[in-house]
Amino acid sequence: MDTPATSQPLVPGSEEELRCRLSLVSPTDHLRGIFFTGVLELVRREEGEAAAQCCLQVCEETQFLDFFDYSYEVFLRLLYTAGRVLSDRHGGFEKALWWMGYEVTKVFYASSAAGRVLLLMAQGDPRRLLSNVPSSLQLVSRNRECQVRLQGPKSGVMLKHDLLPRAFIEGGLVATFDAAKVKGVQVRSRPLGPTENEYEFTWA
């Protein structure tokens, strides 16, 4: 799919950045409702019911069911609205996204049967956990192109096609390793293209 040309980097959290991301979404890109409800609950917990309702209004939905599929377009609108609402409390838009990615992924592993099965499959082994990331994504997302490469006993790399902001994904990946009780995990990411990112993993 063609990427809109931009003359300079877009400001994180801006309407221009959101429109650029929305232009890359296809009708087949879907995400499980548990992430929608997770973001709404975080906003409700941090900023109150009125703020959560404002976020819900941009979705043009009255509710989300955890294991139904919903459009990435809707989630992007929700995520950007929530990120702006929470940015002052968390030190900026991108830090708010990272925190939301961490928190909603933590809930997925703690409260869903699918999440618990994935942790059981990993058996606390970080190499096995990282190798299982592609299959994990199949359970929650219809946009899941990624490749994993183990580099050594305590490191690995993932190349991933992302429609969601990199900070949100990075937070979710850290939460995945924390849920598996992997010690000393660090995740560093960098963009490779408009929708392609690299994530480097190390652990103790």
C-alpha atoms as a PDB file:
ATOM      1  CA  MET A   1       0.000   0.000   0.000  1.00  0.00           C
ATOM      2  CA  ASP A   2       1.317   3.457  -0.851  1.00  0.00           C
ATOM      3  CA  THR A   3       2.464   5.617   2.017  1.00  0.00           C
ATOM      4  CA  PRO A   4       1.522   9.293   2.086  1.00  0.00           C
ATOM      5  CA  ALA A   5       4.528  11.468   1.418  1.00  0.00           C
ATOM      6  CA  THR A   6       5.601  13.753   4.237  1.00  0.00           C
ATOM      7  CA  SER A   7       8.192  16.522   4.057  1.00  0.00           C
ATOM      8  CA  GLN A   8       9.166  16.233   7.729  1.00  0.00           C
ATOM      9  CA  PRO A   9       8.562  13.925  10.696  1.00  0.00           C
ATOM     10  CA  LEU A  10       5.044  14.166  12.049  1.00  0.00           C
ATOM     11  CA  VAL A  11       4.448  15.373  15.595  1.00  0.00           C
ATOM     12  CA  PRO A  12       3.481  12.421  17.838  1.00  0.00           C
ATOM     13  CA  GLY A  13      -0.163  12.683  18.815  1.00  0.00           C
ATOM     14  CA  SER A  14      -1.022  15.250  16.157  1.00  0.00           C
ATOM     15  CA  GLU A  15      -4.033  15.040  13.869  1.00  0.00           C
ATOM     16  CA  GLU A  16      -1.643  14.834  10.918  1.00  0.00           C
ATOM     17  CA  GLU A  17       0.062  11.762  12.354  1.00  0.00           C
ATOM     18  CA  LEU A  18      -3.293  10.139  13.104  1.00  0.00           C
ATOM     19  CA  ARG A  19      -4.566  10.800   9.566  1.00  0.00           C
ATOM     20  CA  CYS A  20      -1.378   9.288   8.155  1.00  0.00           C
ATOM     21  CA  ARG A  21      -1.846   6.111  10.196  1.00  0.00           C
ATOM     22  CA  LEU A  22      -5.535   5.881   9.310  1.00  0.00           C
ATOM     23  CA  SER A  23      -4.678   6.089   5.614  1.00  0.00           C
ATOM     24  CA  LEU A  24      -2.620   2.880   5.959  1.00  0.00           C
ATOM     25  CA  VAL A  25      -5.394   0.785   7.523  1.00  0.00           C
ATOM     26  CA  SER A  26      -7.104  -1.789   5.322  1.00  0.00           C
ATOM     27  CA  PRO A  27     -10.601  -3.270   5.859  1.00  0.00           C
ATOM     28  CA  THR A  28      -9.032  -6.568   6.975  1.00  0.00           C
ATOM     29  CA  ASP A  29      -7.031  -5.026   9.850  1.00  0.00           C
ATOM     30  CA  HIS A  30      -8.738  -5.957  13.114  1.00  0.00           C
ATOM     31  CA  LEU A  31      -7.909  -6.113  16.826  1.00  0.00           C
ATOM     32  CA  ARG A  32      -9.616  -7.904  19.709  1.00  0.00           C
ATOM     33  CA  GLY A  33     -12.008  -5.911  21.862  1.00  0.00           C
ATOM     34  CA  ILE A  34     -10.082  -6.614  25.064  1.00  0.00           C
ATOM     35  CA  PHE A  35      -7.627  -3.875  24.075  1.00  0.00           C
ATOM     36  CA  PHE A  36     -10.450  -1.388  23.501  1.00  0.00           C
ATOM     37  CA  THR A  37     -12.018  -2.114  26.875  1.00  0.00           C
ATOM     38  CA  GLY A  38      -8.588  -2.019  28.498  1.00  0.00           C
ATOM     39  CA  VAL A  39      -7.798   1.469  27.202  1.00  0.00           C
ATOM     40  CA  LEU A  40     -11.225   2.763  28.233  1.00  0.00           C
ATOM     41  CA  GLU A  41     -10.824   1.332  31.729  1.00  0.00           C
ATOM     42  CA  LEU A  42      -7.410   2.972  32.113  1.00  0.00           C
ATOM     43  CA  VAL A  43      -8.848   6.359  31.168  1.00  0.00           C
ATOM     44  CA  ARG A  44     -11.775   5.799  33.534  1.00  0.00           C
ATOM     45  CA  ARG A  45      -9.418   4.871  36.370  1.00  0.00           C
ATOM     46  CA  GLU A  46      -7.051   7.795  35.807  1.00  0.00           C
ATOM     47  CA  GLU A  47      -9.352  10.598  34.690  1.00  0.00           C
ATOM     48  CA  GLY A  48     -12.903   9.551  35.551  1.00  0.00           C
ATOM     49  CA  GLU A  49     -16.083   8.488  33.794  1.00  0.00           C
ATOM     50  CA  ALA A  50     -16.565  11.699  31.805  1.00  0.00           C
ATOM     51  CA  ALA A  51     -13.138  11.303  30.179  1.00  0.00           C
ATOM     52  CA  ALA A  52     -13.857   7.646  29.376  1.00  0.00           C
ATOM     53  CA  GLN A  53     -17.146   8.608  27.732  1.00  0.00           C
ATOM     54  CA  CYS A  54     -15.383  11.233  25.613  1.00  0.00           C
ATOM     55  CA  CYS A  55     -12.993   8.510  24.396  1.00  0.00           C
ATOM     56  CA  LEU A  56     -15.886   6.165  23.684  1.00  0.00           C
ATOM     57  CA  GLN A  57     -17.666   8.815  21.614  1.00  0.00           C
ATOM     58  CA  VAL A  58     -14.852   8.976  19.038  1.00  0.00           C
ATOM     59  CA  CYS A  59     -15.334   5.230  18.443  1.00  0.00           C
ATOM     60  CA  GLU A  60     -19.010   5.595  17.503  1.00  0.00           C
ATOM     61  CA  GLU A  61     -19.638   2.466  19.590  1.00  0.00           C
ATOM     62  CA  THR A  62     -21.560   2.027  22.827  1.00  0.00           C
ATOM     63  CA  GLN A  63     -19.448  -0.898  24.084  1.00  0.00           C
ATOM     64  CA  PHE A  64     -16.822  -3.455  23.094  1.00  0.00           C
ATOM     65  CA  LEU A  65     -16.810  -7.209  23.691  1.00  0.00           C
ATOM     66  CA  ASP A  66     -13.416  -8.543  24.719  1.00  0.00           C
ATOM     67  CA  PHE A  67     -13.044 -11.326  22.156  1.00  0.00           C
ATOM     68  CA  PHE A  68     -14.845  -9.786  19.205  1.00  0.00           C
ATOM     69  CA  ASP A  69     -12.820  -8.201  16.427  1.00  0.00           C
ATOM     70  CA  TYR A  70     -12.984  -4.456  15.750  1.00  0.00           C
ATOM     71  CA  SER A  71     -11.318  -2.211  13.188  1.00  0.00           C
ATOM     72  CA  TYR A  72      -7.826  -0.822  13.657  1.00  0.00           C
ATOM     73  CA  GLU A  73      -9.257   2.486  12.468  1.00  0.00           C
ATOM     74  CA  VAL A  74     -11.548   2.629  15.488  1.00  0.00           C
ATOM     75  CA  PHE A  75      -8.741   1.619  17.850  1.00  0.00           C
ATOM     76  CA  LEU A  76      -6.389   4.265  16.477  1.00  0.00           C
ATOM     77  CA  ARG A  77      -8.989   6.982  17.078  1.00  0.00           C
ATOM     78  CA  LEU A  78      -9.525   5.683  20.606  1.00  0.00           C
ATOM     79  CA  LEU A  79      -5.802   5.359  21.319  1.00  0.00           C
ATOM     80  CA  TYR A  80      -4.952   8.867  20.161  1.00  0.00           C
ATOM     81  CA  THR A  81      -7.832  10.385  22.123  1.00  0.00           C
ATOM     82  CA  ALA A  82      -6.827   8.465  25.263  1.00  0.00           C
ATOM     83  CA  GLY A  83      -3.162   9.341  24.779  1.00  0.00           C
ATOM     84  CA  ARG A  84      -3.988  13.034  24.661  1.00  0.00           C
ATOM     85  CA  VAL A  85      -6.205  12.752  27.745  1.00  0.00           C
ATOM     86  CA  LEU A  86      -3.456  10.972  29.703  1.00  0.00           C
ATOM     87  CA  SER A  87      -0.423  12.830  28.349  1.00  0.00           C
ATOM     88  CA  ASP A  88      -0.131  15.389  31.166  1.00  0.00           C
ATOM     89  CA  ARG A  89      -0.344  12.710  33.837  1.00  0.00           C
ATOM     90  CA  HIS A  90       2.294  10.489  32.180  1.00  0.00           C
ATOM     91  CA  GLY A  91       4.813  12.990  30.873  1.00  0.00           C
ATOM     92  CA  GLY A  92       3.772  13.281  27.258  1.00  0.00           C
ATOM     93  CA  PHE A  93       1.823  11.537  24.519  1.00  0.00           C
ATOM     94  CA  GLU A  94       4.348   8.809  23.705  1.00  0.00           C
ATOM     95  CA  LYS A  95       4.936   7.940  27.367  1.00  0.00           C
ATOM     96  CA  ALA A  96       1.180   7.685  27.828  1.00  0.00           C
ATOM     97  CA  LEU A  97       1.014   5.292  24.864  1.00  0.00           C
ATOM     98  CA  TRP A  98       3.842   3.166  26.288  1.00  0.00           C
ATOM     99  CA  TRP A  99       2.057   2.965  29.636  1.00  0.00           C
ATOM    100  CA  MET A 100      -1.257   2.019  28.006  1.00  0.00           C
ATOM    101  CA  GLY A 101       0.450  -0.678  25.935  1.00  0.00           C
ATOM    102  CA  TYR A 102       2.023  -2.107  29.075  1.00  0.00           C
ATOM    103  CA  GLU A 103      -1.143  -2.000  31.170  1.00  0.00           C
ATOM    104  CA  VAL A 104      -3.624  -3.421  28.652  1.00  0.00           C
ATOM    105  CA  THR A 105      -1.238  -6.238  27.711  1.00  0.00           C
ATOM    106  CA  LYS A 106      -0.762  -7.072  31.379  1.00  0.00           C
ATOM    107  CA  VAL A 107      -4.539  -7.360  31.726  1.00  0.00           C
ATOM    108  CA  PHE A 108      -4.693  -9.634  28.662  1.00  0.00           C
ATOM    109  CA  TYR A 109      -2.267 -12.121  30.210  1.00  0.00           C
ATOM    110  CA  ALA A 110      -3.812 -11.938  33.676  1.00  0.00           C
ATOM    111  CA  SER A 111      -7.507 -12.144  32.793  1.00  0.00           C
ATOM    112  CA  SER A 112      -7.854 -14.120  29.567  1.00  0.00           C
ATOM    113  CA  ALA A 113      -7.606 -17.874  29.080  1.00  0.00           C
ATOM    114  CA  ALA A 114      -5.681 -17.317  25.847  1.00  0.00           C
ATOM    115  CA  GLY A 115      -3.112 -15.182  27.643  1.00  0.00           C
ATOM    116  CA  ARG A 116      -2.589 -17.762  30.378  1.00  0.00           C
ATOM    117  CA  VAL A 117      -2.135 -20.519  27.785  1.00  0.00           C
ATOM    118  CA  LEU A 118       0.542 -18.486  26.007  1.00  0.00           C
ATOM    119  CA  LEU A 119       2.452 -18.008  29.255  1.00  0.00           C
ATOM    120  CA  LEU A 120       2.137 -21.718  30.022  1.00  0.00           C
ATOM    121  CA  MET A 121       3.551 -22.574  26.598  1.00  0.00           C
ATOM    122  CA  ALA A 122       6.584 -20.363  27.238  1.00  0.00           C
ATOM    123  CA  GLN A 123       7.314 -22.083  30.585  1.00  0.00           C
ATOM    124  CA  GLY A 124       9.305 -19.058  31.747  1.00  0.00           C
ATOM    125  CA  ASP A 125      11.870 -19.494  28.958  1.00  0.00           C
ATOM    126  CA  PRO A 126      12.497 -16.075  27.333  1.00  0.00           C
ATOM    127  CA  ARG A 127      13.762 -17.614  24.095  1.00  0.00           C
ATOM    128  CA  ARG A 128      10.622 -19.719  23.799  1.00  0.00           C
ATOM    129  CA  LEU A 129       8.485 -16.727  24.763  1.00  0.00           C
ATOM    130  CA  LEU A 130      10.012 -14.552  22.041  1.00  0.00           C
ATOM    131  CA  SER A 131       9.663 -17.325  19.461  1.00  0.00           C
ATOM    132  CA  ASN A 132       5.961 -17.586  20.342  1.00  0.00           C
ATOM    133  CA  VAL A 133       5.249 -13.883  19.812  1.00  0.00           C
ATOM    134  CA  PRO A 134       4.008 -14.369  16.202  1.00  0.00           C
ATOM    135  CA  SER A 135       1.475 -17.005  17.300  1.00  0.00           C
ATOM    136  CA  SER A 136       0.448 -14.786  20.214  1.00  0.00           C
ATOM    137  CA  LEU A 137      -0.334 -11.965  17.821  1.00  0.00           C
ATOM    138  CA  GLN A 138      -2.569 -14.260  15.778  1.00  0.00           C
ATOM    139  CA  LEU A 139      -4.887 -14.529  18.763  1.00  0.00           C
ATOM    140  CA  VAL A 140      -5.467 -10.804  19.156  1.00  0.00           C
ATOM    141  CA  SER A 141      -4.846  -9.138  15.811  1.00  0.00           C
ATOM    142  CA  ARG A 142      -5.590  -9.570  12.123  1.00  0.00           C
ATOM    143  CA  ASN A 143      -2.580  -7.392  11.290  1.00  0.00           C
ATOM    144  CA  ARG A 144       0.309  -9.447  12.581  1.00  0.00           C
ATOM    145  CA  GLU A 145       3.228  -9.586  10.158  1.00  0.00           C
ATOM    146  CA  CYS A 146       6.403 -10.133  12.154  1.00  0.00           C
ATOM    147  CA  GLN A 147       9.633 -12.108  12.120  1.00  0.00           C
ATOM    148  CA  VAL A 148      11.649 -13.183  15.153  1.00  0.00           C
ATOM    149  CA  ARG A 149      15.351 -13.975  15.206  1.00  0.00           C
ATOM    150  CA  LEU A 150      17.171 -15.255  18.287  1.00  0.00           C
ATOM    151  CA  GLN A 151      20.676 -13.791  18.453  1.00  0.00           C
ATOM    152  CA  GLY A 152      22.148 -15.467  21.494  1.00  0.00           C
ATOM    153  CA  PRO A 153      21.269 -17.017  24.839  1.00  0.00           C
ATOM    154  CA  LYS A 154      19.974 -13.693  26.171  1.00  0.00           C
ATOM    155  CA  SER A 155      18.946 -11.603  23.185  1.00  0.00           C
ATOM    156  CA  GLY A 156      16.782 -11.515  20.099  1.00  0.00           C
ATOM    157  CA  VAL A 157      15.300  -9.244  17.434  1.00  0.00           C
ATOM    158  CA  MET A 158      11.788  -8.864  16.070  1.00  0.00           C
ATOM    159  CA  LEU A 159      10.884  -7.132  12.811  1.00  0.00           C
ATOM    160  CA  LYS A 160       7.244  -6.133  12.849  1.00  0.00           C
ATOM    161  CA  HIS A 161       4.663  -4.468  10.630  1.00  0.00           C
ATOM    162  CA  ASP A 162       2.936  -1.960  12.904  1.00  0.00           C
ATOM    163  CA  LEU A 163      -0.104   0.174  12.263  1.00  0.00           C
ATOM    164  CA  LEU A 164      -0.164   1.120  15.942  1.00  0.00           C
ATOM    165  CA  PRO A 165       2.390   3.558  17.416  1.00  0.00           C
ATOM    166  CA  ARG A 166       5.736   2.006  18.250  1.00  0.00           C
ATOM    167  CA  ALA A 167       5.602   3.195  21.882  1.00  0.00           C
ATOM    168  CA  PHE A 168       2.345   1.313  22.472  1.00  0.00           C
ATOM    169  CA  ILE A 169       3.775  -1.903  21.003  1.00  0.00           C
ATOM    170  CA  GLU A 170       7.008  -1.579  22.979  1.00  0.00           C
ATOM    171  CA  GLY A 171       5.100  -1.229  26.242  1.00  0.00           C
ATOM    172  CA  GLY A 172       3.073  -4.311  25.380  1.00  0.00           C
ATOM    173  CA  LEU A 173       6.188  -6.353  24.650  1.00  0.00           C
ATOM    174  CA  VAL A 174       7.748  -5.426  27.998  1.00  0.00           C
ATOM    175  CA  ALA A 175       4.506  -6.444  29.717  1.00  0.00           C
ATOM    176  CA  THR A 176       4.645  -9.814  27.923  1.00  0.00           C
ATOM    177  CA  PHE A 177       8.076 -10.586  29.371  1.00  0.00           C
ATOM    178  CA  ASP A 178       7.111  -9.285  32.790  1.00  0.00           C
ATOM    179  CA  ALA A 179       4.012 -11.495  32.791  1.00  0.00           C
ATOM    180  CA  ALA A 180       6.273 -14.485  32.114  1.00  0.00           C
ATOM    181  CA  LYS A 181       8.491 -13.370  35.027  1.00  0.00           C
ATOM    182  CA  VAL A 182      11.550 -12.917  32.820  1.00  0.00           C
ATOM    183  CA  LYS A 183      14.230 -11.057  34.777  1.00  0.00           C
ATOM    184  CA  GLY A 184      15.986  -7.927  33.545  1.00  0.00           C
ATOM    185  CA  VAL A 185      14.156  -7.604  30.242  1.00  0.00           C
ATOM    186  CA  GLN A 186      14.862  -4.555  28.114  1.00  0.00           C
ATOM    187  CA  VAL A 187      13.193  -3.714  24.812  1.00  0.00           C
ATOM    188  CA  ARG A 188      14.634  -1.094  22.469  1.00  0.00           C
ATOM    189  CA  SER A 189      12.917  -0.164  19.255  1.00  0.00           C
ATOM    190  CA  ARG A 190      13.618   1.856  16.140  1.00  0.00           C
ATOM    191  CA  PRO A 191      11.643   2.635  12.992  1.00  0.00           C
ATOM    192  CA  LEU A 192      12.649   1.045   9.694  1.00  0.00           C
ATOM    193  CA  GLY A 193       9.852   2.582   7.619  1.00  0.00           C
ATOM    194  CA  PRO A 194       6.381   4.106   7.926  1.00  0.00           C
ATOM    195  CA  THR A 195       4.897   0.843   9.236  1.00  0.00           C
ATOM    196  CA  GLU A 196       7.999  -1.302   9.831  1.00  0.00           C
ATOM    197  CA  ASN A 197       9.825  -1.349  13.165  1.00  0.00           C
ATOM    198  CA  GLU A 198      12.647  -3.302  14.778  1.00  0.00           C
ATOM    199  CA  TYR A 199      12.555  -4.394  18.420  1.00  0.00           C
ATOM    200  CA  GLU A 200      15.695  -5.583  20.191  1.00  0.00           C
ATOM    201  CA  PHE A 201      15.294  -7.752  23.299  1.00  0.00           C
ATOM    202  CA  THR A 202      17.786  -8.507  26.039  1.00  0.00           C
ATOM    203  CA  TRP A 203      17.270 -10.224  29.391  1.00  0.00           C
ATOM    204  CA  ALA A 204      19.282 -11.251  32.425  1.00  0.00           C
END
